[in-house]
Amino acid sequence: VQLVESGGGLVQAGGSLRLSCAASGNLYNINAMGWYRQAPGKERALVAAISSGGSLYYADSVKGRFSISRDNHWNTLYLQMNSLKPEDTAMYYCAASRDLGTYYSGSYYPPDFHFWGQGTQVTVSS
């Protein structure tokens, strides 16, 4: 599985960006995809994820501002980012997994991800 991100750039606070992830290779048993981000000096963190059944996960810091979506065949994954803040500045990575994740008390918990893209930089100026 190969993943290539695009759509990053420089935007002012309050603006929007849409990230895309083009997936290729053996996608037939991909069951979840997601977006991670890593800011300088910080650990990589999961931002959003989506399962093959359409279940969604969002980190608390992006709920209500970011939206993850995909096409029906996992060929393209998107991350719509609205109301961007300077603290959203990071390298954003696309990831894919053959595992589904788990469900507990009505919430979706994404799996560990096995495949990674090279990342696209998002910079939000104040």
Foldseek 3Di string as FASTA:
>chain_A
DAKAKDWADEEAAQAKIKMKIFDDDPQPLWFKKFKWWDDPPGDIDTAKMATLVGAIDGDPVQPPFWDWDADNRNRMIMIIGGRDDQVVWTWMKMFIDSDNADDDPRHGGGDDTDDIYPTDTHGYHD
